[in-house]
PDB file of N, CA and C in Angstrom:
ATOM      1  N   MET A   1     199.681  50.779 152.259  1.00  0.00           N
ATOM      2  CA  MET A   1     200.939  51.389 152.848  1.00  0.00           C
ATOM      3  C   MET A   1     201.837  50.127 153.178  1.00  0.00           C
ATOM      4  N   LYS A   2     203.099  50.494 152.994  1.00  0.00           N
ATOM      5  CA  LYS A   2     204.489  49.654 153.171  1.00  0.00           C
ATOM      6  C   LYS A   2     204.923  49.767 154.229  1.00  0.00           C
ATOM      7  N   PHE A   3     205.228  48.526 155.089  1.00  0.00           N
ATOM      8  CA  PHE A   3     205.736  48.718 156.270  1.00  0.00           C
ATOM      9  C   PHE A   3     207.030  48.040 156.268  1.00  0.00           C
ATOM     10  N   GLY A   4     207.886  48.635 157.125  1.00  0.00           N
ATOM     11  CA  GLY A   4     209.117  47.996 157.398  1.00  0.00           C
ATOM     12  C   GLY A   4     209.070  47.704 158.970  1.00  0.00           C
ATOM     13  N   ILE A   5     209.581  46.419 159.369  1.00  0.00           N
ATOM     14  CA  ILE A   5     209.405  45.941 160.715  1.00  0.00           C
ATOM     15  C   ILE A   5     210.920  45.588 161.203  1.00  0.00           C
ATOM     16  N   LEU A   6     211.292  46.150 162.296  1.00  0.00           N
ATOM     17  CA  LEU A   6     212.444  46.160 163.189  1.00  0.00           C
ATOM     18  C   LEU A   6     211.933  45.024 164.371  1.00  0.00           C
ATOM     19  N   VAL A   7     212.500  43.814 164.561  1.00  0.00           N
ATOM     20  CA  VAL A   7     212.486  42.933 165.775  1.00  0.00           C
ATOM     21  C   VAL A   7     213.888  42.871 166.631  1.00  0.00           C
ATOM     22  N   ASN A   8     213.715  43.373 167.587  1.00  0.00           N
ATOM     23  CA  ASN A   8     214.973  43.525 168.636  1.00  0.00           C
ATOM     24  C   ASN A   8     214.876  42.369 169.631  1.00  0.00           C
ATOM     25  N   GLU A   9     214.054  41.391 169.724  1.00  0.00           N
ATOM     26  CA  GLU A   9     213.947  40.323 170.748  1.00  0.00           C
ATOM     27  C   GLU A   9     213.881  38.891 170.146  1.00  0.00           C
ATOM     28  N   GLY A  10     214.389  38.030 170.935  1.00  0.00           N
ATOM     29  CA  GLY A  10     214.309  36.848 170.589  1.00  0.00           C
ATOM     30  C   GLY A  10     212.965  36.064 170.451  1.00  0.00           C
ATOM     31  N   PRO A  11     212.698  34.816 169.756  1.00  0.00           N
ATOM     32  CA  PRO A  11     211.567  34.412 169.901  1.00  0.00           C
ATOM     33  C   PRO A  11     210.827  33.916 170.929  1.00  0.00           C
ATOM     34  N   TYR A  12     211.568  33.569 172.001  1.00  0.00           N
ATOM     35  CA  TYR A  12     210.857  32.814 173.202  1.00  0.00           C
ATOM     36  C   TYR A  12     211.351  33.425 174.715  1.00  0.00           C
ATOM     37  N   GLN A  13     211.889  34.603 174.553  1.00  0.00           N
ATOM     38  CA  GLN A  13     212.074  35.437 175.938  1.00  0.00           C
ATOM     39  C   GLN A  13     211.193  36.683 175.899  1.00  0.00           C
ATOM     40  N   HIS A  14     210.495  36.888 174.861  1.00  0.00           N
ATOM     41  CA  HIS A  14     210.061  38.332 174.919  1.00  0.00           C
ATOM     42  C   HIS A  14     208.731  38.008 173.887  1.00  0.00           C
ATOM     43  N   GLN A  15     207.758  39.099 174.140  1.00  0.00           N
ATOM     44  CA  GLN A  15     206.568  38.916 173.313  1.00  0.00           C
ATOM     45  C   GLN A  15     206.758  39.551 171.838  1.00  0.00           C
ATOM     46  N   ALA A  16     207.903  40.391 171.707  1.00  0.00           N
ATOM     47  CA  ALA A  16     208.176  41.038 170.522  1.00  0.00           C
ATOM     48  C   ALA A  16     208.079  40.414 169.204  1.00  0.00           C
ATOM     49  N   SER A  17     208.774  39.266 168.948  1.00  0.00           N
ATOM     50  CA  SER A  17     208.641  38.504 167.614  1.00  0.00           C
ATOM     51  C   SER A  17     207.178  37.938 167.477  1.00  0.00           C
ATOM     52  N   ASP A  18     206.634  37.668 168.475  1.00  0.00           N
ATOM     53  CA  ASP A  18     205.072  37.166 168.134  1.00  0.00           C
ATOM     54  C   ASP A  18     204.366  38.405 167.774  1.00  0.00           C
ATOM     55  N   SER A  19     204.316  39.453 168.525  1.00  0.00           N
ATOM     56  CA  SER A  19     203.869  40.526 168.110  1.00  0.00           C
ATOM     57  C   SER A  19     204.097  41.029 166.674  1.00  0.00           C
ATOM     58  N   ALA A  20     205.315  40.985 166.488  1.00  0.00           N
ATOM     59  CA  ALA A  20     205.755  41.462 165.050  1.00  0.00           C
ATOM     60  C   ALA A  20     204.996  40.521 163.913  1.00  0.00           C
ATOM     61  N   TYR A  21     205.066  39.323 164.215  1.00  0.00           N
ATOM     62  CA  TYR A  21     204.736  38.292 163.255  1.00  0.00           C
ATOM     63  C   TYR A  21     203.358  38.646 163.054  1.00  0.00           C
ATOM     64  N   GLN A  22     202.386  38.712 164.238  1.00  0.00           N
ATOM     65  CA  GLN A  22     200.974  38.953 163.912  1.00  0.00           C
ATOM     66  C   GLN A  22     200.507  40.395 163.433  1.00  0.00           C
ATOM     67  N   PHE A  23     201.499  41.167 163.653  1.00  0.00           N
ATOM     68  CA  PHE A  23     201.201  42.801 162.842  1.00  0.00           C
ATOM     69  C   PHE A  23     201.464  42.426 161.327  1.00  0.00           C
ATOM     70  N   ALA A  24     202.598  41.731 161.203  1.00  0.00           N
ATOM     71  CA  ALA A  24     202.831  41.478 159.689  1.00  0.00           C
ATOM     72  C   ALA A  24     201.612  40.865 158.819  1.00  0.00           C
ATOM     73  N   VAL A  25     201.252  39.635 159.613  1.00  0.00           N
ATOM     74  CA  VAL A  25     200.014  38.868 159.032  1.00  0.00           C
ATOM     75  C   VAL A  25     198.770  39.647 158.821  1.00  0.00           C
ATOM     76  N   ALA A  26     198.357  40.486 160.009  1.00  0.00           N
ATOM     77  CA  ALA A  26     197.368  41.463 159.910  1.00  0.00           C
ATOM     78  C   ALA A  26     197.525  42.648 158.948  1.00  0.00           C
ATOM     79  N   ALA A  27     198.649  43.010 158.737  1.00  0.00           N
ATOM     80  CA  ALA A  27     198.922  44.133 157.777  1.00  0.00           C
ATOM     81  C   ALA A  27     198.817  43.448 156.154  1.00  0.00           C
ATOM     82  N   LEU A  28     199.127  42.386 156.109  1.00  0.00           N
ATOM     83  CA  LEU A  28     199.170  41.759 154.682  1.00  0.00           C
ATOM     84  C   LEU A  28     197.631  41.260 154.382  1.00  0.00           C
ATOM     85  N   ALA A  29     196.808  40.993 155.439  1.00  0.00           N
ATOM     86  CA  ALA A  29     195.334  40.638 155.447  1.00  0.00           C
ATOM     87  C   ALA A  29     194.543  41.835 154.998  1.00  0.00           C
ATOM     88  N   LYS A  30     195.126  42.998 155.497  1.00  0.00           N
ATOM     89  CA  LYS A  30     194.356  44.329 155.099  1.00  0.00           C
ATOM     90  C   LYS A  30     194.768  44.763 153.602  1.00  0.00           C
ATOM     91  N   GLY A  31     195.671  44.327 153.199  1.00  0.00           N
ATOM     92  CA  GLY A  31     196.057  44.606 151.789  1.00  0.00           C
ATOM     93  C   GLY A  31     197.528  45.537 151.721  1.00  0.00           C
ATOM     94  N   HIS A  32     198.138  45.544 152.954  1.00  0.00           N
ATOM     95  CA  HIS A  32     199.290  46.313 153.083  1.00  0.00           C
ATOM     96  C   HIS A  32     200.447  45.580 152.633  1.00  0.00           C
ATOM     97  N   GLY A  33     201.647  46.047 152.341  1.00  0.00           N
ATOM     98  CA  GLY A  33     202.726  45.460 151.981  1.00  0.00           C
ATOM     99  C   GLY A  33     203.791  45.387 153.175  1.00  0.00           C
ATOM    100  N   ILE A  34     204.671  44.513 153.061  1.00  0.00           N
ATOM    101  CA  ILE A  34     206.039  44.555 154.277  1.00  0.00           C
ATOM    102  C   ILE A  34     207.133  44.553 153.270  1.00  0.00           C
ATOM    103  N   TYR A  35     207.742  45.804 153.203  1.00  0.00           N
ATOM    104  CA  TYR A  35     209.153  45.977 152.447  1.00  0.00           C
ATOM    105  C   TYR A  35     209.992  45.087 152.981  1.00  0.00           C
ATOM    106  N   ARG A  36     210.397  45.044 154.431  1.00  0.00           N
ATOM    107  CA  ARG A  36     211.315  44.214 154.955  1.00  0.00           C
ATOM    108  C   ARG A  36     211.264  44.008 156.387  1.00  0.00           C
ATOM    109  N   VAL A  37     211.679  43.044 156.868  1.00  0.00           N
ATOM    110  CA  VAL A  37     211.628  42.685 158.267  1.00  0.00           C
ATOM    111  C   VAL A  37     213.279  42.414 158.672  1.00  0.00           C
ATOM    112  N   PHE A  38     213.602  43.451 159.560  1.00  0.00           N
ATOM    113  CA  PHE A  38     214.989  43.265 160.129  1.00  0.00           C
ATOM    114  C   PHE A  38     215.054  42.950 161.470  1.00  0.00           C
ATOM    115  N   PHE A  39     216.082  42.057 161.697  1.00  0.00           N
ATOM    116  CA  PHE A  39     216.302  41.397 163.012  1.00  0.00           C
ATOM    117  C   PHE A  39     217.509  41.770 163.389  1.00  0.00           C
ATOM    118  N   TYR A  40     217.391  42.310 164.613  1.00  0.00           N
ATOM    119  CA  TYR A  40     218.529  42.977 165.266  1.00  0.00           C
ATOM    120  C   TYR A  40     218.634  42.748 166.862  1.00  0.00           C
ATOM    121  N   HIS A  41     219.676  42.870 167.511  1.00  0.00           N
ATOM    122  CA  HIS A  41     220.082  42.541 168.994  1.00  0.00           C
ATOM    123  C   HIS A  41     219.789  41.068 168.892  1.00  0.00           C
ATOM    124  N   ASP A  42     218.983  40.917 169.985  1.00  0.00           N
ATOM    125  CA  ASP A  42     218.594  39.262 170.432  1.00  0.00           C
ATOM    126  C   ASP A  42     217.453  38.763 169.258  1.00  0.00           C
ATOM    127  N   GLY A  43     217.105  39.862 168.550  1.00  0.00           N
ATOM    128  CA  GLY A  43     216.147  39.426 167.533  1.00  0.00           C
ATOM    129  C   GLY A  43     216.810  38.605 166.401  1.00  0.00           C
ATOM    130  N   VAL A  44     218.033  38.518 166.178  1.00  0.00           N
ATOM    131  CA  VAL A  44     218.734  37.583 165.294  1.00  0.00           C
ATOM    132  C   VAL A  44     218.319  36.094 165.721  1.00  0.00           C
ATOM    133  N   ASN A  45     217.965  35.829 166.951  1.00  0.00           N
ATOM    134  CA  ASN A  45     217.875  34.484 166.979  1.00  0.00           C
ATOM    135  C   ASN A  45     216.538  33.952 166.644  1.00  0.00           C
ATOM    136  N   ASN A  46     215.755  34.858 166.113  1.00  0.00           N
ATOM    137  CA  ASN A  46     214.555  34.403 165.148  1.00  0.00           C
ATOM    138  C   ASN A  46     214.980  33.369 164.065  1.00  0.00           C
ATOM    139  N   ALA A  47     216.204  33.899 163.470  1.00  0.00           N
ATOM    140  CA  ALA A  47     216.482  33.084 162.360  1.00  0.00           C
ATOM    141  C   ALA A  47     217.076  31.737 162.409  1.00  0.00           C
ATOM    142  N   ASN A  48     217.453  31.299 163.562  1.00  0.00           N
ATOM    143  CA  ASN A  48     218.317  30.129 163.980  1.00  0.00           C
ATOM    144  C   ASN A  48     217.429  28.906 163.435  1.00  0.00           C
ATOM    145  N   LYS A  49     217.870  28.148 162.467  1.00  0.00           N
ATOM    146  CA  LYS A  49     217.344  27.099 161.747  1.00  0.00           C
ATOM    147  C   LYS A  49     217.293  25.847 163.097  1.00  0.00           C
ATOM    148  N   LEU A  50     218.269  25.962 163.835  1.00  0.00           N
ATOM    149  CA  LEU A  50     218.368  24.808 165.034  1.00  0.00           C
ATOM    150  C   LEU A  50     217.355  24.878 166.074  1.00  0.00           C
ATOM    151  N   THR A  51     216.515  26.015 166.141  1.00  0.00           N
ATOM    152  CA  THR A  51     215.392  26.080 167.028  1.00  0.00           C
ATOM    153  C   THR A  51     214.529  24.971 167.017  1.00  0.00           C
ATOM    154  N   GLU A  52     214.312  24.229 168.084  1.00  0.00           N
ATOM    155  CA  GLU A  52     213.383  23.005 168.141  1.00  0.00           C
ATOM    156  C   GLU A  52     212.442  23.423 169.183  1.00  0.00           C
ATOM    157  N   PRO A  53     211.318  24.208 169.311  1.00  0.00           N
ATOM    158  CA  PRO A  53     210.411  24.045 170.607  1.00  0.00           C
ATOM    159  C   PRO A  53     209.605  22.806 170.631  1.00  0.00           C
ATOM    160  N   PRO A  54     209.037  22.791 171.753  1.00  0.00           N
ATOM    161  CA  PRO A  54     208.135  21.606 172.026  1.00  0.00           C
ATOM    162  C   PRO A  54     207.211  21.285 170.908  1.00  0.00           C
ATOM    163  N   GLN A  55     206.522  20.291 170.630  1.00  0.00           N
ATOM    164  CA  GLN A  55     205.558  20.135 169.701  1.00  0.00           C
ATOM    165  C   GLN A  55     204.263  20.983 170.090  1.00  0.00           C
ATOM    166  N   ASP A  56     203.888  21.100 171.255  1.00  0.00           N
ATOM    167  CA  ASP A  56     202.797  21.849 171.490  1.00  0.00           C
ATOM    168  C   ASP A  56     203.034  23.215 171.801  1.00  0.00           C
ATOM    169  N   ASP A  57     204.283  23.968 171.203  1.00  0.00           N
ATOM    170  CA  ASP A  57     204.377  25.162 171.262  1.00  0.00           C
ATOM    171  C   ASP A  57     204.720  25.651 169.670  1.00  0.00           C
ATOM    172  N   ARG A  58     204.476  27.019 169.633  1.00  0.00           N
ATOM    173  CA  ARG A  58     204.732  27.431 168.137  1.00  0.00           C
ATOM    174  C   ARG A  58     206.139  27.645 168.008  1.00  0.00           C
ATOM    175  N   ASN A  59     206.461  27.440 166.559  1.00  0.00           N
ATOM    176  CA  ASN A  59     207.705  27.629 166.103  1.00  0.00           C
ATOM    177  C   ASN A  59     207.965  28.771 165.286  1.00  0.00           C
ATOM    178  N   VAL A  60     208.408  29.864 165.913  1.00  0.00           N
ATOM    179  CA  VAL A  60     208.419  31.203 165.606  1.00  0.00           C
ATOM    180  C   VAL A  60     209.390  31.165 164.244  1.00  0.00           C
ATOM    181  N   THR A  61     210.323  30.548 164.397  1.00  0.00           N
ATOM    182  CA  THR A  61     211.386  30.575 162.975  1.00  0.00           C
ATOM    183  C   THR A  61     210.625  30.237 161.847  1.00  0.00           C
ATOM    184  N   ARG A  62     209.916  29.043 161.968  1.00  0.00           N
ATOM    185  CA  ARG A  62     209.075  28.431 160.812  1.00  0.00           C
ATOM    186  C   ARG A  62     208.012  29.370 160.517  1.00  0.00           C
ATOM    187  N   GLN A  63     207.366  30.028 161.337  1.00  0.00           N
ATOM    188  CA  GLN A  63     206.229  30.849 161.141  1.00  0.00           C
ATOM    189  C   GLN A  63     206.717  32.082 160.112  1.00  0.00           C
ATOM    190  N   TRP A  64     207.941  32.635 160.516  1.00  0.00           N
ATOM    191  CA  TRP A  64     208.638  33.912 159.582  1.00  0.00           C
ATOM    192  C   TRP A  64     208.965  33.210 158.553  1.00  0.00           C
ATOM    193  N   SER A  65     209.635  32.150 158.396  1.00  0.00           N
ATOM    194  CA  SER A  65     209.910  31.497 157.047  1.00  0.00           C
ATOM    195  C   SER A  65     208.856  31.353 156.055  1.00  0.00           C
ATOM    196  N   ALA A  66     207.756  30.740 156.675  1.00  0.00           N
ATOM    197  CA  ALA A  66     206.682  30.498 155.987  1.00  0.00           C
ATOM    198  C   ALA A  66     205.873  31.796 155.362  1.00  0.00           C
ATOM    199  N   LEU A  67     205.876  32.628 156.349  1.00  0.00           N
ATOM    200  CA  LEU A  67     205.597  34.241 155.716  1.00  0.00           C
ATOM    201  C   LEU A  67     206.176  34.791 154.911  1.00  0.00           C
ATOM    202  N   ALA A  68     207.472  34.778 154.887  1.00  0.00           N
ATOM    203  CA  ALA A  68     208.361  35.252 153.650  1.00  0.00           C
ATOM    204  C   ALA A  68     208.366  34.461 152.421  1.00  0.00           C
ATOM    205  N   ALA A  69     208.001  33.274 152.636  1.00  0.00           N
ATOM    206  CA  ALA A  69     207.725  32.605 151.241  1.00  0.00           C
ATOM    207  C   ALA A  69     206.707  32.774 150.594  1.00  0.00           C
ATOM    208  N   ALA A  70     205.615  32.885 151.314  1.00  0.00           N
ATOM    209  CA  ALA A  70     204.137  33.119 150.922  1.00  0.00           C
ATOM    210  C   ALA A  70     203.969  34.522 150.254  1.00  0.00           C
ATOM    211  N   HIS A  71     204.682  35.342 150.853  1.00  0.00           N
ATOM    212  CA  HIS A  71     204.501  36.836 150.518  1.00  0.00           C
ATOM    213  C   HIS A  71     205.701  37.493 149.857  1.00  0.00           C
ATOM    214  N   ASP A  72     206.726  36.790 149.510  1.00  0.00           N
ATOM    215  CA  ASP A  72     208.018  37.393 149.174  1.00  0.00           C
ATOM    216  C   ASP A  72     208.533  38.596 149.898  1.00  0.00           C
ATOM    217  N   ILE A  73     208.670  38.192 151.359  1.00  0.00           N
ATOM    218  CA  ILE A  73     209.104  39.190 152.296  1.00  0.00           C
ATOM    219  C   ILE A  73     210.717  39.239 152.614  1.00  0.00           C
ATOM    220  N   ASP A  74     211.288  40.138 152.568  1.00  0.00           N
ATOM    221  CA  ASP A  74     212.712  40.237 152.717  1.00  0.00           C
ATOM    222  C   ASP A  74     213.087  40.057 154.298  1.00  0.00           C
ATOM    223  N   LEU A  75     213.742  38.999 154.823  1.00  0.00           N
ATOM    224  CA  LEU A  75     213.922  38.620 156.223  1.00  0.00           C
ATOM    225  C   LEU A  75     215.442  39.044 156.430  1.00  0.00           C
ATOM    226  N   VAL A  76     215.892  39.954 156.997  1.00  0.00           N
ATOM    227  CA  VAL A  76     217.400  40.479 156.989  1.00  0.00           C
ATOM    228  C   VAL A  76     217.788  40.504 158.632  1.00  0.00           C
ATOM    229  N   VAL A  77     218.829  39.618 158.744  1.00  0.00           N
ATOM    230  CA  VAL A  77     219.460  39.382 160.023  1.00  0.00           C
ATOM    231  C   VAL A  77     220.868  40.247 159.897  1.00  0.00           C
ATOM    232  N   CYS A  78     220.924  41.030 161.036  1.00  0.00           N
ATOM    233  CA  CYS A  78     222.168  41.945 161.188  1.00  0.00           C
ATOM    234  C   CYS A  78     223.465  41.113 161.200  1.00  0.00           C
ATOM    235  N   VAL A  79     224.433  41.447 160.613  1.00  0.00           N
ATOM    236  CA  VAL A  79     225.639  40.715 160.598  1.00  0.00           C
ATOM    237  C   VAL A  79     226.417  40.721 162.053  1.00  0.00           C
ATOM    238  N   ALA A  80     226.301  41.952 162.369  1.00  0.00           N
ATOM    239  CA  ALA A  80     227.158  42.036 163.671  1.00  0.00           C
ATOM    240  C   ALA A  80     226.338  41.474 164.889  1.00  0.00           C
ATOM    241  N   ALA A  81     225.119  41.694 164.991  1.00  0.00           N
ATOM    242  CA  ALA A  81     224.441  41.156 166.091  1.00  0.00           C
ATOM    243  C   ALA A  81     224.445  39.760 165.911  1.00  0.00           C
ATOM    244  N   GLY A  82     224.354  39.037 164.709  1.00  0.00           N
ATOM    245  CA  GLY A  82     224.403  37.807 164.552  1.00  0.00           C
ATOM    246  C   GLY A  82     225.662  36.936 164.918  1.00  0.00           C
ATOM    247  N   LEU A  83     226.823  37.549 164.540  1.00  0.00           N
ATOM    248  CA  LEU A  83     228.284  37.065 164.761  1.00  0.00           C
ATOM    249  C   LEU A  83     228.185  37.261 166.276  1.00  0.00           C
ATOM    250  N   ARG A  84     227.867  38.057 167.113  1.00  0.00           N
ATOM    251  CA  ARG A  84     228.004  38.195 168.541  1.00  0.00           C
ATOM    252  C   ARG A  84     227.103  37.152 169.019  1.00  0.00           C
ATOM    253  N   ARG A  85     226.176  36.509 168.417  1.00  0.00           N
ATOM    254  CA  ARG A  85     225.231  35.458 169.212  1.00  0.00           C
ATOM    255  C   ARG A  85     225.523  34.019 168.441  1.00  0.00           C
ATOM    256  N   GLY A  86     226.464  33.889 167.350  1.00  0.00           N
ATOM    257  CA  GLY A  86     226.776  32.865 167.056  1.00  0.00           C
ATOM    258  C   GLY A  86     226.053  32.527 165.814  1.00  0.00           C
ATOM    259  N   ILE A  87     225.227  33.395 165.072  1.00  0.00           N
ATOM    260  CA  ILE A  87     224.383  33.125 164.012  1.00  0.00           C
ATOM    261  C   ILE A  87     225.155  33.573 162.597  1.00  0.00           C
ATOM    262  N   LYS A  88     225.391  32.475 162.089  1.00  0.00           N
ATOM    263  CA  LYS A  88     226.190  32.608 160.602  1.00  0.00           C
ATOM    264  C   LYS A  88     225.268  32.016 159.561  1.00  0.00           C
ATOM    265  N   ASN A  89     225.623  32.296 158.304  1.00  0.00           N
ATOM    266  CA  ASN A  89     224.921  31.851 156.960  1.00  0.00           C
ATOM    267  C   ASN A  89     224.438  30.335 157.075  1.00  0.00           C
ATOM    268  N   GLU A  90     225.276  29.464 157.780  1.00  0.00           N
ATOM    269  CA  GLU A  90     224.603  27.984 157.812  1.00  0.00           C
ATOM    270  C   GLU A  90     223.849  27.673 158.974  1.00  0.00           C
ATOM    271  N   LEU A  91     223.475  28.715 159.695  1.00  0.00           N
ATOM    272  CA  LEU A  91     222.530  28.477 160.795  1.00  0.00           C
ATOM    273  C   LEU A  91     221.177  28.968 160.453  1.00  0.00           C
ATOM    274  N   LEU A  92     220.990  29.739 159.354  1.00  0.00           N
ATOM    275  CA  LEU A  92     219.832  30.594 159.042  1.00  0.00           C
ATOM    276  C   LEU A  92     218.785  29.609 158.587  1.00  0.00           C
ATOM    277  N   ALA A  93     217.726  29.832 158.968  1.00  0.00           N
ATOM    278  CA  ALA A  93     216.432  29.057 158.251  1.00  0.00           C
ATOM    279  C   ALA A  93     216.092  29.470 157.003  1.00  0.00           C
ATOM    280  N   PRO A  94     215.231  28.926 156.440  1.00  0.00           N
ATOM    281  CA  PRO A  94     214.923  29.217 154.849  1.00  0.00           C
ATOM    282  C   PRO A  94     214.182  30.796 155.127  1.00  0.00           C
ATOM    283  N   GLY A  95     214.334  31.548 153.912  1.00  0.00           N
ATOM    284  CA  GLY A  95     214.164  33.012 153.807  1.00  0.00           C
ATOM    285  C   GLY A  95     214.676  34.047 154.425  1.00  0.00           C
ATOM    286  N   PHE A  96     215.635  33.582 155.508  1.00  0.00           N
ATOM    287  CA  PHE A  96     216.568  34.504 156.144  1.00  0.00           C
ATOM    288  C   PHE A  96     217.812  34.942 155.398  1.00  0.00           C
ATOM    289  N   HIS A  97     218.403  35.934 155.474  1.00  0.00           N
ATOM    290  CA  HIS A  97     219.713  36.141 155.014  1.00  0.00           C
ATOM    291  C   HIS A  97     220.397  37.248 155.796  1.00  0.00           C
ATOM    292  N   ILE A  98     221.815  37.332 155.804  1.00  0.00           N
ATOM    293  CA  ILE A  98     222.500  38.282 156.777  1.00  0.00           C
ATOM    294  C   ILE A  98     222.940  39.266 155.892  1.00  0.00           C
ATOM    295  N   SER A  99     222.826  40.604 156.328  1.00  0.00           N
ATOM    296  CA  SER A  99     223.326  41.652 155.854  1.00  0.00           C
ATOM    297  C   SER A  99     223.536  42.950 156.974  1.00  0.00           C
ATOM    298  N   GLY A 100     224.009  44.009 156.590  1.00  0.00           N
ATOM    299  CA  GLY A 100     224.442  45.140 157.614  1.00  0.00           C
ATOM    300  C   GLY A 100     223.301  46.140 157.940  1.00  0.00           C
ATOM    301  N   LEU A 101     223.468  47.015 158.624  1.00  0.00           N
ATOM    302  CA  LEU A 101     222.567  48.013 159.260  1.00  0.00           C
ATOM    303  C   LEU A 101     222.208  49.116 157.947  1.00  0.00           C
ATOM    304  N   GLY A 102     222.786  48.998 157.007  1.00  0.00           N
ATOM    305  CA  GLY A 102     222.093  49.701 155.759  1.00  0.00           C
ATOM    306  C   GLY A 102     220.985  49.283 155.148  1.00  0.00           C
ATOM    307  N   GLN A 103     220.566  47.847 155.631  1.00  0.00           N
ATOM    308  CA  GLN A 103     219.415  47.311 154.855  1.00  0.00           C
ATOM    309  C   GLN A 103     218.347  47.831 156.022  1.00  0.00           C
ATOM    310  N   LEU A 104     218.626  48.279 157.189  1.00  0.00           N
ATOM    311  CA  LEU A 104     217.754  48.799 158.285  1.00  0.00           C
ATOM    312  C   LEU A 104     217.412  50.164 157.679  1.00  0.00           C
ATOM    313  N   ILE A 105     218.519  51.065 157.543  1.00  0.00           N
ATOM    314  CA  ILE A 105     218.241  52.399 157.009  1.00  0.00           C
ATOM    315  C   ILE A 105     217.492  52.539 155.877  1.00  0.00           C
ATOM    316  N   GLN A 106     217.615  51.552 154.940  1.00  0.00           N
ATOM    317  CA  GLN A 106     216.869  51.378 153.542  1.00  0.00           C
ATOM    318  C   GLN A 106     215.486  51.285 153.870  1.00  0.00           C
ATOM    319  N   ALA A 107     215.304  50.141 154.750  1.00  0.00           N
ATOM    320  CA  ALA A 107     213.827  49.918 155.070  1.00  0.00           C
ATOM    321  C   ALA A 107     213.118  51.338 155.673  1.00  0.00           C
ATOM    322  N   GLY A 108     213.659  51.920 156.478  1.00  0.00           N
ATOM    323  CA  GLY A 108     213.289  53.084 157.192  1.00  0.00           C
ATOM    324  C   GLY A 108     213.093  54.276 155.903  1.00  0.00           C
ATOM    325  N   ILE A 109     213.670  54.268 154.974  1.00  0.00           N
ATOM    326  CA  ILE A 109     213.570  55.011 154.013  1.00  0.00           C
ATOM    327  C   ILE A 109     212.432  54.627 152.693  1.00  0.00           C
ATOM    328  N   GLU A 110     212.539  53.498 152.378  1.00  0.00           N
ATOM    329  CA  GLU A 110     211.655  52.787 151.365  1.00  0.00           C
ATOM    330  C   GLU A 110     210.360  52.841 151.982  1.00  0.00           C
ATOM    331  N   ALA A 111     210.065  52.228 153.272  1.00  0.00           N
ATOM    332  CA  ALA A 111     208.792  51.880 153.825  1.00  0.00           C
ATOM    333  C   ALA A 111     208.183  53.368 154.217  1.00  0.00           C
ATOM    334  N   ASP A 112     206.727  53.245 154.297  1.00  0.00           N
ATOM    335  CA  ASP A 112     206.107  54.447 154.714  1.00  0.00           C
ATOM    336  C   ASP A 112     206.031  54.599 156.171  1.00  0.00           C
ATOM    337  N   ARG A 113     206.109  53.382 157.090  1.00  0.00           N
ATOM    338  CA  ARG A 113     206.203  53.481 158.287  1.00  0.00           C
ATOM    339  C   ARG A 113     207.370  52.320 158.797  1.00  0.00           C
ATOM    340  N   LEU A 114     207.821  52.574 159.802  1.00  0.00           N
ATOM    341  CA  LEU A 114     208.940  51.510 160.327  1.00  0.00           C
ATOM    342  C   LEU A 114     208.421  51.144 161.748  1.00  0.00           C
ATOM    343  N   VAL A 115     208.086  50.084 162.106  1.00  0.00           N
ATOM    344  CA  VAL A 115     207.515  49.629 163.270  1.00  0.00           C
ATOM    345  C   VAL A 115     208.378  48.534 163.845  1.00  0.00           C
ATOM    346  N   VAL A 116     208.738  49.275 165.292  1.00  0.00           N
ATOM    347  CA  VAL A 116     209.688  48.710 165.928  1.00  0.00           C
ATOM    348  C   VAL A 116     209.230  47.622 167.042  1.00  0.00           C
ATOM    349  N   PHE A 117     209.791  46.333 167.356  1.00  0.00           N
ATOM    350  CA  PHE A 117     209.021  45.607 168.334  1.00  0.00           C
ATOM    351  C   PHE A 117     210.422  45.171 169.344  1.00  0.00           C
ATOM    352  N   GLY A 118     210.046  45.408 170.445  1.00  0.00           N
ATOM    353  CA  GLY A 118     211.201  45.287 171.296  1.00  0.00           C
ATOM    354  C   GLY A 118     211.987  46.600 171.880  1.00  0.00           C
ATOM    355  N   ASP A 119     212.731  46.286 172.797  1.00  0.00           N
ATOM    356  CA  ASP A 119     213.774  47.138 173.147  1.00  0.00           C
ATOM    357  C   ASP A 119     214.805  47.619 172.440  1.00  0.00           C
TER     358      ASP A 119
END
């Protein structure tokens, strides 16, 4: 099965990003594919390369980047939501890129299931 994932919450304010990441890892481990992960609303904060959590905490941004690199996953940040929150191309962590809502629609069409994390 091929999944699309929508992340609507930031990496440290809500469980949604961690849950989405763990879902993606589990799906890949079971042989499923991830078509695209789309970051929307506060979820765009997952892409910020300036995030520096304490050493004893997880680095969600780095986790997403590593997963994308290892499995060739498309990590898309909504341009409008990103600009509202000051997220521009020069602030994106490796593996993330900015695009429009059309990429979310395409993920819904191309994937067998679109799984939403966060409000």
